[in-house]
């Protein structure tokens, strides 16, 4: 990555972001993918999938946010998201194709966005830019 591209990426990232693995479901009429987030903000998520997803694909999304002291207590955030970046990952031979996918939460209720923002801001490793 050249320096100019990195500076543009840093300038575009205005929302706090956390590196956190959370259960993440992506669904269209023809796809149903369960994965985990790599990182998360109140406006989008970055995840890894094992099939190519075209740019601008729109998904129904369900994200499981921990919501208590117990391991199995979750609050489910629902929204619609759009794939805005797809990067093929170099994977070991025989492992199949792997893609890192950035998803922008295009349609999210304000109350859901606030729950996400609160979760992100309370995280011990919150960061503004990478």
C-alpha atoms as a PDB file:
ATOM      1  CA  UNK A   1       0.000   0.000   0.000  1.00  0.00           C
ATOM      2  CA  UNK A   2       1.461   3.340  -0.893  1.00  0.00           C
ATOM      3  CA  UNK A   3       1.567   6.193   1.609  1.00  0.00           C
ATOM      4  CA  UNK A   4      -0.930   8.329  -0.301  1.00  0.00           C
ATOM      5  CA  UNK A   5      -3.567   5.547  -0.223  1.00  0.00           C
ATOM      6  CA  UNK A   6      -2.982   4.973   3.509  1.00  0.00           C
ATOM      7  CA  UNK A   7      -3.470   8.685   4.262  1.00  0.00           C
ATOM      8  CA  UNK A   8      -6.755   8.730   2.319  1.00  0.00           C
ATOM      9  CA  UNK A   9      -7.955   5.655   4.258  1.00  0.00           C
ATOM     10  CA  UNK A  10      -7.096   7.320   7.567  1.00  0.00           C
ATOM     11  CA  UNK A  11      -8.909  10.506   6.611  1.00  0.00           C
ATOM     12  CA  UNK A  12     -12.069   8.607   5.636  1.00  0.00           C
ATOM     13  CA  UNK A  13     -12.270   6.660   8.902  1.00  0.00           C
ATOM     14  CA  UNK A  14     -14.002   9.046  11.303  1.00  0.00           C
ATOM     15  CA  UNK A  15     -15.983   6.657  13.504  1.00  0.00           C
ATOM     16  CA  UNK A  16     -14.414   4.793  16.439  1.00  0.00           C
ATOM     17  CA  UNK A  17     -13.633   1.195  15.521  1.00  0.00           C
ATOM     18  CA  UNK A  18     -12.816  -1.905  17.546  1.00  0.00           C
ATOM     19  CA  UNK A  19     -11.087  -5.155  16.677  1.00  0.00           C
ATOM     20  CA  UNK A  20     -13.608  -7.673  17.931  1.00  0.00           C
ATOM     21  CA  UNK A  21     -14.882 -11.087  16.770  1.00  0.00           C
ATOM     22  CA  UNK A  22     -18.673 -11.057  16.960  1.00  0.00           C
ATOM     23  CA  UNK A  23     -21.151 -13.387  15.277  1.00  0.00           C
ATOM     24  CA  UNK A  24     -22.321 -11.780  12.059  1.00  0.00           C
ATOM     25  CA  UNK A  25     -25.036 -13.062   9.680  1.00  0.00           C
ATOM     26  CA  UNK A  26     -25.388 -11.858   6.090  1.00  0.00           C
ATOM     27  CA  UNK A  27     -28.451 -12.780   4.049  1.00  0.00           C
ATOM     28  CA  UNK A  28     -29.800 -12.139   0.563  1.00  0.00           C
ATOM     29  CA  UNK A  29     -32.349 -14.142  -1.423  1.00  0.00           C
ATOM     30  CA  UNK A  30     -29.551 -16.361  -2.749  1.00  0.00           C
ATOM     31  CA  UNK A  31     -26.868 -16.182  -0.013  1.00  0.00           C
ATOM     32  CA  UNK A  32     -26.889 -17.004   3.674  1.00  0.00           C
ATOM     33  CA  UNK A  33     -23.476 -16.494   5.310  1.00  0.00           C
ATOM     34  CA  UNK A  34     -22.500 -16.801   8.965  1.00  0.00           C
ATOM     35  CA  UNK A  35     -19.118 -15.320   9.844  1.00  0.00           C
ATOM     36  CA  UNK A  36     -17.452 -13.160  12.486  1.00  0.00           C
ATOM     37  CA  UNK A  37     -16.472  -9.544  12.426  1.00  0.00           C
ATOM     38  CA  UNK A  38     -12.782  -8.685  12.273  1.00  0.00           C
ATOM     39  CA  UNK A  39     -13.517  -5.125  13.286  1.00  0.00           C
ATOM     40  CA  UNK A  40     -16.604  -3.039  13.836  1.00  0.00           C
ATOM     41  CA  UNK A  41     -17.871   0.531  14.065  1.00  0.00           C
ATOM     42  CA  UNK A  42     -21.379   1.956  14.326  1.00  0.00           C
ATOM     43  CA  UNK A  43     -21.432   2.463  10.533  1.00  0.00           C
ATOM     44  CA  UNK A  44     -19.867  -0.742   9.259  1.00  0.00           C
ATOM     45  CA  UNK A  45     -18.009  -3.988   9.727  1.00  0.00           C
ATOM     46  CA  UNK A  46     -15.083  -5.862   8.260  1.00  0.00           C
ATOM     47  CA  UNK A  47     -15.323  -9.650   8.046  1.00  0.00           C
ATOM     48  CA  UNK A  48     -13.891 -12.680   6.269  1.00  0.00           C
ATOM     49  CA  UNK A  49     -15.913 -15.010   4.043  1.00  0.00           C
ATOM     50  CA  UNK A  50     -15.126 -18.042   1.902  1.00  0.00           C
ATOM     51  CA  UNK A  51     -16.904 -16.956  -1.270  1.00  0.00           C
ATOM     52  CA  UNK A  52     -16.643 -13.940  -3.520  1.00  0.00           C
ATOM     53  CA  UNK A  53     -19.315 -11.311  -2.915  1.00  0.00           C
ATOM     54  CA  UNK A  54     -19.654  -8.622  -5.592  1.00  0.00           C
ATOM     55  CA  UNK A  55     -19.308  -4.955  -4.683  1.00  0.00           C
ATOM     56  CA  UNK A  56     -22.578  -3.184  -3.910  1.00  0.00           C
ATOM     57  CA  UNK A  57     -24.304  -6.424  -2.833  1.00  0.00           C
ATOM     58  CA  UNK A  58     -26.996  -5.521  -0.295  1.00  0.00           C
ATOM     59  CA  UNK A  59     -27.483  -7.803   2.715  1.00  0.00           C
ATOM     60  CA  UNK A  60     -29.926  -8.143   5.574  1.00  0.00           C
ATOM     61  CA  UNK A  61     -27.582  -8.225   8.572  1.00  0.00           C
ATOM     62  CA  UNK A  62     -27.911  -9.588  12.076  1.00  0.00           C
ATOM     63  CA  UNK A  63     -25.096  -8.848  14.504  1.00  0.00           C
ATOM     64  CA  UNK A  64     -24.916 -10.462  17.952  1.00  0.00           C
ATOM     65  CA  UNK A  65     -23.678  -7.977  20.569  1.00  0.00           C
ATOM     66  CA  UNK A  66     -22.772  -9.317  24.006  1.00  0.00           C
ATOM     67  CA  UNK A  67     -25.319  -7.823  26.407  1.00  0.00           C
ATOM     68  CA  UNK A  68     -24.534  -9.104  29.847  1.00  0.00           C
ATOM     69  CA  UNK A  69     -22.064 -10.849  32.056  1.00  0.00           C
ATOM     70  CA  UNK A  70     -22.912 -14.304  30.744  1.00  0.00           C
ATOM     71  CA  UNK A  71     -21.337 -15.777  27.607  1.00  0.00           C
ATOM     72  CA  UNK A  72     -24.674 -16.567  26.004  1.00  0.00           C
ATOM     73  CA  UNK A  73     -26.438 -13.219  26.518  1.00  0.00           C
ATOM     74  CA  UNK A  74     -26.731 -11.294  23.257  1.00  0.00           C
ATOM     75  CA  UNK A  75     -28.639  -8.379  21.849  1.00  0.00           C
ATOM     76  CA  UNK A  76     -29.256  -8.749  18.126  1.00  0.00           C
ATOM     77  CA  UNK A  77     -28.756  -5.670  15.973  1.00  0.00           C
ATOM     78  CA  UNK A  78     -30.505  -5.798  12.596  1.00  0.00           C
ATOM     79  CA  UNK A  79     -29.842  -3.566   9.610  1.00  0.00           C
ATOM     80  CA  UNK A  80     -29.137  -3.553   5.878  1.00  0.00           C
ATOM     81  CA  UNK A  81     -25.599  -3.224   4.615  1.00  0.00           C
ATOM     82  CA  UNK A  82     -23.776  -2.794   1.336  1.00  0.00           C
ATOM     83  CA  UNK A  83     -20.474  -4.413   0.349  1.00  0.00           C
ATOM     84  CA  UNK A  84     -18.044  -1.569  -0.322  1.00  0.00           C
ATOM     85  CA  UNK A  85     -14.729  -3.453  -0.536  1.00  0.00           C
ATOM     86  CA  UNK A  86     -13.642  -7.009  -1.324  1.00  0.00           C
ATOM     87  CA  UNK A  87     -10.031  -8.189  -1.027  1.00  0.00           C
ATOM     88  CA  UNK A  88      -8.932 -11.729  -1.857  1.00  0.00           C
ATOM     89  CA  UNK A  89      -6.686 -13.122   0.874  1.00  0.00           C
ATOM     90  CA  UNK A  90      -3.671 -15.265   0.104  1.00  0.00           C
ATOM     91  CA  UNK A  91      -4.697 -18.573   1.645  1.00  0.00           C
ATOM     92  CA  UNK A  92      -2.761 -21.813   2.154  1.00  0.00           C
ATOM     93  CA  UNK A  93      -2.900 -24.338  -0.695  1.00  0.00           C
ATOM     94  CA  UNK A  94      -6.085 -26.389  -0.574  1.00  0.00           C
ATOM     95  CA  UNK A  95      -7.779 -24.005   1.860  1.00  0.00           C
ATOM     96  CA  UNK A  96     -10.103 -22.546  -0.766  1.00  0.00           C
ATOM     97  CA  UNK A  97     -10.711 -18.896  -1.533  1.00  0.00           C
ATOM     98  CA  UNK A  98     -10.979 -16.418   1.319  1.00  0.00           C
ATOM     99  CA  UNK A  99     -12.081 -12.791   1.037  1.00  0.00           C
ATOM    100  CA  UNK A 100     -11.979  -9.852   3.423  1.00  0.00           C
ATOM    101  CA  UNK A 101     -15.169  -7.859   2.984  1.00  0.00           C
ATOM    102  CA  UNK A 102     -16.007  -4.342   4.175  1.00  0.00           C
ATOM    103  CA  UNK A 103     -19.706  -3.664   4.694  1.00  0.00           C
ATOM    104  CA  UNK A 104     -21.275  -0.241   5.186  1.00  0.00           C
ATOM    105  CA  UNK A 105     -24.460  -0.206   7.274  1.00  0.00           C
ATOM    106  CA  UNK A 106     -26.593   1.656   4.721  1.00  0.00           C
ATOM    107  CA  UNK A 107     -29.945   1.317   6.491  1.00  0.00           C
ATOM    108  CA  UNK A 108     -29.849   1.149  10.262  1.00  0.00           C
ATOM    109  CA  UNK A 109     -32.375   2.470  12.752  1.00  0.00           C
ATOM    110  CA  UNK A 110     -30.982   5.270  14.900  1.00  0.00           C
ATOM    111  CA  UNK A 111     -31.668   3.243  18.055  1.00  0.00           C
ATOM    112  CA  UNK A 112     -29.656   0.293  16.666  1.00  0.00           C
ATOM    113  CA  UNK A 113     -26.833   2.621  15.626  1.00  0.00           C
ATOM    114  CA  UNK A 114     -26.750   4.091  19.134  1.00  0.00           C
ATOM    115  CA  UNK A 115     -26.504   0.598  20.672  1.00  0.00           C
ATOM    116  CA  UNK A 116     -23.553  -0.153  18.397  1.00  0.00           C
ATOM    117  CA  UNK A 117     -21.901   3.194  19.118  1.00  0.00           C
ATOM    118  CA  UNK A 118     -22.240   2.648  22.861  1.00  0.00           C
ATOM    119  CA  UNK A 119     -20.789  -0.868  22.602  1.00  0.00           C
ATOM    120  CA  UNK A 120     -17.833   0.366  20.513  1.00  0.00           C
ATOM    121  CA  UNK A 121     -17.097   3.368  22.744  1.00  0.00           C
ATOM    122  CA  UNK A 122     -17.087   1.208  25.903  1.00  0.00           C
ATOM    123  CA  UNK A 123     -14.645  -1.297  24.378  1.00  0.00           C
ATOM    124  CA  UNK A 124     -11.177  -1.138  25.983  1.00  0.00           C
ATOM    125  CA  UNK A 125      -9.355  -1.075  22.624  1.00  0.00           C
ATOM    126  CA  UNK A 126     -11.390   1.524  20.758  1.00  0.00           C
ATOM    127  CA  UNK A 127      -9.447   3.337  18.016  1.00  0.00           C
ATOM    128  CA  UNK A 128     -10.251   6.264  15.753  1.00  0.00           C
ATOM    129  CA  UNK A 129      -7.898   5.341  12.882  1.00  0.00           C
ATOM    130  CA  UNK A 130      -5.489   2.565  12.017  1.00  0.00           C
END
